[in-house]
C-alpha atoms as a PDB file:
ATOM      1  CA  MET A   1     -45.474 120.108   5.242  1.00  0.00           C
ATOM      2  CA  THR A   2     -41.838 120.029   6.364  1.00  0.00           C
ATOM      3  CA  ASN A   3     -40.200 116.328   6.868  1.00  0.00           C
ATOM      4  CA  TRP A   4     -39.793 115.895  10.275  1.00  0.00           C
ATOM      5  CA  ARG A   5     -36.425 114.017   9.719  1.00  0.00           C
ATOM      6  CA  THR A   6     -34.979 116.705   8.106  1.00  0.00           C
ATOM      7  CA  LEU A   7     -35.404 119.315  11.206  1.00  0.00           C
ATOM      8  CA  PRO A   8     -33.251 119.648  14.069  1.00  0.00           C
ATOM      9  CA  ARG A   9     -33.718 117.642  16.896  1.00  0.00           C
ATOM     10  CA  THR A  10     -33.588 119.825  19.676  1.00  0.00           C
ATOM     11  CA  GLY A  11     -36.058 118.839  22.354  1.00  0.00           C
ATOM     12  CA  LYS A  12     -33.619 116.968  24.985  1.00  0.00           C
ATOM     13  CA  SER A  13     -31.160 120.343  25.108  1.00  0.00           C
ATOM     14  CA  GLN A  14     -34.809 122.295  25.704  1.00  0.00           C
ATOM     15  CA  PHE A  15     -35.668 120.340  28.185  1.00  0.00           C
ATOM     16  CA  THR A  16     -32.504 119.439  29.957  1.00  0.00           C
ATOM     17  CA  PRO A  17     -31.523 123.074  31.598  1.00  0.00           C
ATOM     18  CA  LEU A  18     -35.691 123.383  32.450  1.00  0.00           C
ATOM     19  CA  ILE A  19     -34.963 120.236  34.965  1.00  0.00           C
ATOM     20  CA  PRO A  20     -35.099 122.064  38.424  1.00  0.00           C
ATOM     21  CA  ASP A  21     -38.119 123.776  37.129  1.00  0.00           C
ATOM     22  CA  ILE A  22     -40.018 121.096  36.178  1.00  0.00           C
ATOM     23  CA  GLN A  23     -39.342 118.755  39.345  1.00  0.00           C
ATOM     24  CA  GLN A  24     -40.098 121.867  41.653  1.00  0.00           C
ATOM     25  CA  ARG A  25     -43.621 122.133  39.935  1.00  0.00           C
ATOM     26  CA  LEU A  26     -43.623 118.601  40.154  1.00  0.00           C
ATOM     27  CA  ASN A  27     -43.111 118.900  43.491  1.00  0.00           C
ATOM     28  CA  LEU A  28     -46.098 121.303  43.904  1.00  0.00           C
ATOM     29  CA  GLY A  29     -48.331 118.936  42.227  1.00  0.00           C
ATOM     30  CA  GLN A  30     -48.919 120.308  38.770  1.00  0.00           C
ATOM     31  CA  THR A  31     -49.582 118.158  36.136  1.00  0.00           C
ATOM     32  CA  TYR A  32     -47.456 116.784  33.207  1.00  0.00           C
ATOM     33  CA  LYS A  33     -49.723 119.324  31.082  1.00  0.00           C
ATOM     34  CA  GLN A  34     -49.906 122.408  33.090  1.00  0.00           C
ATOM     35  CA  ILE A  35     -46.136 122.523  33.340  1.00  0.00           C
ATOM     36  CA  HIS A  36     -45.975 122.156  29.473  1.00  0.00           C
ATOM     37  CA  ASP A  37     -48.343 124.798  28.746  1.00  0.00           C
ATOM     38  CA  ALA A  38     -46.721 127.257  30.690  1.00  0.00           C
ATOM     39  CA  LEU A  39     -43.383 126.218  29.472  1.00  0.00           C
ATOM     40  CA  VAL A  40     -44.812 126.140  25.958  1.00  0.00           C
ATOM     41  CA  GLU A  41     -46.261 129.820  26.462  1.00  0.00           C
ATOM     42  CA  ALA A  42     -42.949 131.459  28.209  1.00  0.00           C
ATOM     43  CA  LYS A  43     -41.469 130.258  24.985  1.00  0.00           C
ATOM     44  CA  GLN A  44     -38.644 128.094  26.335  1.00  0.00           C
ATOM     45  CA  ILE A  45     -39.439 124.876  24.485  1.00  0.00           C
ATOM     46  CA  THR A  46     -40.967 124.203  21.259  1.00  0.00           C
ATOM     47  CA  LEU A  47     -40.899 120.087  21.789  1.00  0.00           C
ATOM     48  CA  GLY A  48     -44.791 118.448  21.584  1.00  0.00           C
ATOM     49  CA  TYR A  49     -46.834 117.350  24.831  1.00  0.00           C
ATOM     50  CA  GLN A  50     -46.183 113.531  24.206  1.00  0.00           C
ATOM     51  CA  GLN A  51     -42.125 114.026  23.711  1.00  0.00           C
ATOM     52  CA  PHE A  52     -42.183 116.321  26.748  1.00  0.00           C
ATOM     53  CA  VAL A  53     -43.467 113.061  29.207  1.00  0.00           C
ATOM     54  CA  LYS A  54     -41.198 111.128  27.425  1.00  0.00           C
ATOM     55  CA  TYR A  55     -38.471 113.358  28.709  1.00  0.00           C
ATOM     56  CA  ILE A  56     -40.178 113.405  32.102  1.00  0.00           C
ATOM     57  CA  ASN A  57     -40.349 109.793  32.433  1.00  0.00           C
ATOM     58  CA  LYS A  58     -36.117 109.296  31.516  1.00  0.00           C
ATOM     59  CA  LEU A  59     -34.609 111.904  32.665  1.00  0.00           C
ATOM     60  CA  LEU A  60     -36.380 112.770  36.015  1.00  0.00           C
ATOM     61  CA  ASN A  61     -36.739 108.832  36.661  1.00  0.00           C
ATOM     62  CA  VAL A  62     -40.540 109.570  37.253  1.00  0.00           C
ATOM     63  CA  ALA A  63     -42.898 106.224  37.191  1.00  0.00           C
ATOM     64  CA  PRO A  64     -44.914 105.878  34.021  1.00  0.00           C
ATOM     65  CA  VAL A  65     -48.616 106.551  34.958  1.00  0.00           C
ATOM     66  CA  ALA A  66     -50.627 103.721  34.447  1.00  0.00           C
ATOM     67  CA  PRO A  67     -53.341 103.888  31.492  1.00  0.00           C
ATOM     68  CA  LYS A  68     -56.760 104.305  32.256  1.00  0.00           C
ATOM     69  CA  GLY A  69     -59.057 101.176  33.165  1.00  0.00           C
ATOM     70  CA  VAL A  70     -55.487  99.053  34.358  1.00  0.00           C
ATOM     71  CA  ILE A  71     -55.228  98.171  37.840  1.00  0.00           C
ATOM     72  CA  PRO A  72     -51.638  98.380  38.730  1.00  0.00           C
ATOM     73  CA  SER A  73     -50.455  94.697  40.306  1.00  0.00           C
ATOM     74  CA  PHE A  74     -49.487  94.811  43.988  1.00  0.00           C
ATOM     75  CA  PRO A  75     -47.777  92.178  45.611  1.00  0.00           C
ATOM     76  CA  PHE A  76     -49.899  89.484  47.641  1.00  0.00           C
ATOM     77  CA  THR A  77     -49.776  90.297  51.529  1.00  0.00           C
ATOM     78  CA  ALA A  78     -51.809  87.545  53.372  1.00  0.00           C
ATOM     79  CA  SER A  79     -53.404  89.048  57.053  1.00  0.00           C
ATOM     80  CA  GLN A  80     -53.530  85.120  57.935  1.00  0.00           C
ATOM     81  CA  PRO A  81     -50.457  83.167  58.926  1.00  0.00           C
ATOM     82  CA  THR A  82     -49.096  81.405  55.325  1.00  0.00           C
ATOM     83  CA  SER A  83     -48.942  78.235  57.174  1.00  0.00           C
ATOM     84  CA  GLU A  84     -52.956  77.864  57.745  1.00  0.00           C
ATOM     85  CA  HIS A  85     -55.096  76.999  54.599  1.00  0.00           C
ATOM     86  CA  PRO A  86     -56.807  80.861  53.711  1.00  0.00           C
ATOM     87  CA  LEU A  87     -59.738  78.782  54.154  1.00  0.00           C
ATOM     88  CA  ALA A  88     -59.595  77.403  57.019  1.00  0.00           C
ATOM     89  CA  HIS A  89     -62.166  79.587  59.423  1.00  0.00           C
ATOM     90  CA  LEU A  90     -65.176  78.605  57.087  1.00  0.00           C
ATOM     91  CA  ALA A  91     -64.294  75.269  57.710  1.00  0.00           C
ATOM     92  CA  ALA A  92     -64.308  76.061  61.595  1.00  0.00           C
ATOM     93  CA  ASN A  93     -67.753  78.031  61.418  1.00  0.00           C
ATOM     94  CA  ARG A  94     -69.486  74.764  59.236  1.00  0.00           C
ATOM     95  CA  ASP A  95     -71.644  73.965  62.168  1.00  0.00           C
ATOM     96  CA  ASN A  96     -72.815  77.533  62.677  1.00  0.00           C
ATOM     97  CA  ARG A  97     -73.828  78.473  58.908  1.00  0.00           C
ATOM     98  CA  ARG A  98     -77.006  78.124  57.532  1.00  0.00           C
ATOM     99  CA  HIS A  99     -77.220  76.109  54.677  1.00  0.00           C
ATOM    100  CA  GLN A 100     -74.928  73.630  54.169  1.00  0.00           C
ATOM    101  CA  ASP A 101     -73.013  72.273  51.429  1.00  0.00           C
ATOM    102  CA  ALA A 102     -74.481  68.802  51.061  1.00  0.00           C
ATOM    103  CA  ASP A 103     -77.633  70.470  51.492  1.00  0.00           C
ATOM    104  CA  ILE A 104     -77.006  72.666  48.666  1.00  0.00           C
ATOM    105  CA  HIS A 105     -75.897  70.108  46.089  1.00  0.00           C
ATOM    106  CA  ASN A 106     -77.296  66.953  47.279  1.00  0.00           C
ATOM    107  CA  PRO A 107     -78.729  64.745  44.507  1.00  0.00           C
ATOM    108  CA  VAL A 108     -81.232  63.284  46.320  1.00  0.00           C
ATOM    109  CA  PRO A 109     -82.861  65.674  48.298  1.00  0.00           C
ATOM    110  CA  ASP A 110     -84.091  65.149  51.634  1.00  0.00           C
ATOM    111  CA  LEU A 111     -88.164  64.776  51.704  1.00  0.00           C
ATOM    112  CA  LYS A 112     -87.814  65.078  55.016  1.00  0.00           C
ATOM    113  CA  LYS A 113     -85.715  68.848  55.262  1.00  0.00           C
ATOM    114  CA  ILE A 114     -88.005  70.048  52.497  1.00  0.00           C
ATOM    115  CA  TYR A 115     -91.630  69.082  53.861  1.00  0.00           C
ATOM    116  CA  GLY A 116     -91.016  68.687  57.219  1.00  0.00           C
ATOM    117  CA  GLU A 117     -92.138  65.314  58.343  1.00  0.00           C
END
């Protein structure tokens, strides 16, 4: 097995001339893997897939894709005015709700409500 440190570092010099072609393929909707496989088959690059993706993210200013299972964070946008409390509509509809908080969380139950006397 060869020592990778002794090999010439030619990845960026292979990638840079192909930037317009790679950008065009990305605009057509091809995946990074499809582009990498096509360039390796055409013997235009010899670098690995992970390094290829690093060059795309670094040199083409493409936002890196979040790993699966990670939910991207979005800024909070409130549909209601910020001066009003977000739960104000619940307080306004309190009388229309079937179960009141006092009915559910009352430590001393009201026997008339339970037995109907």
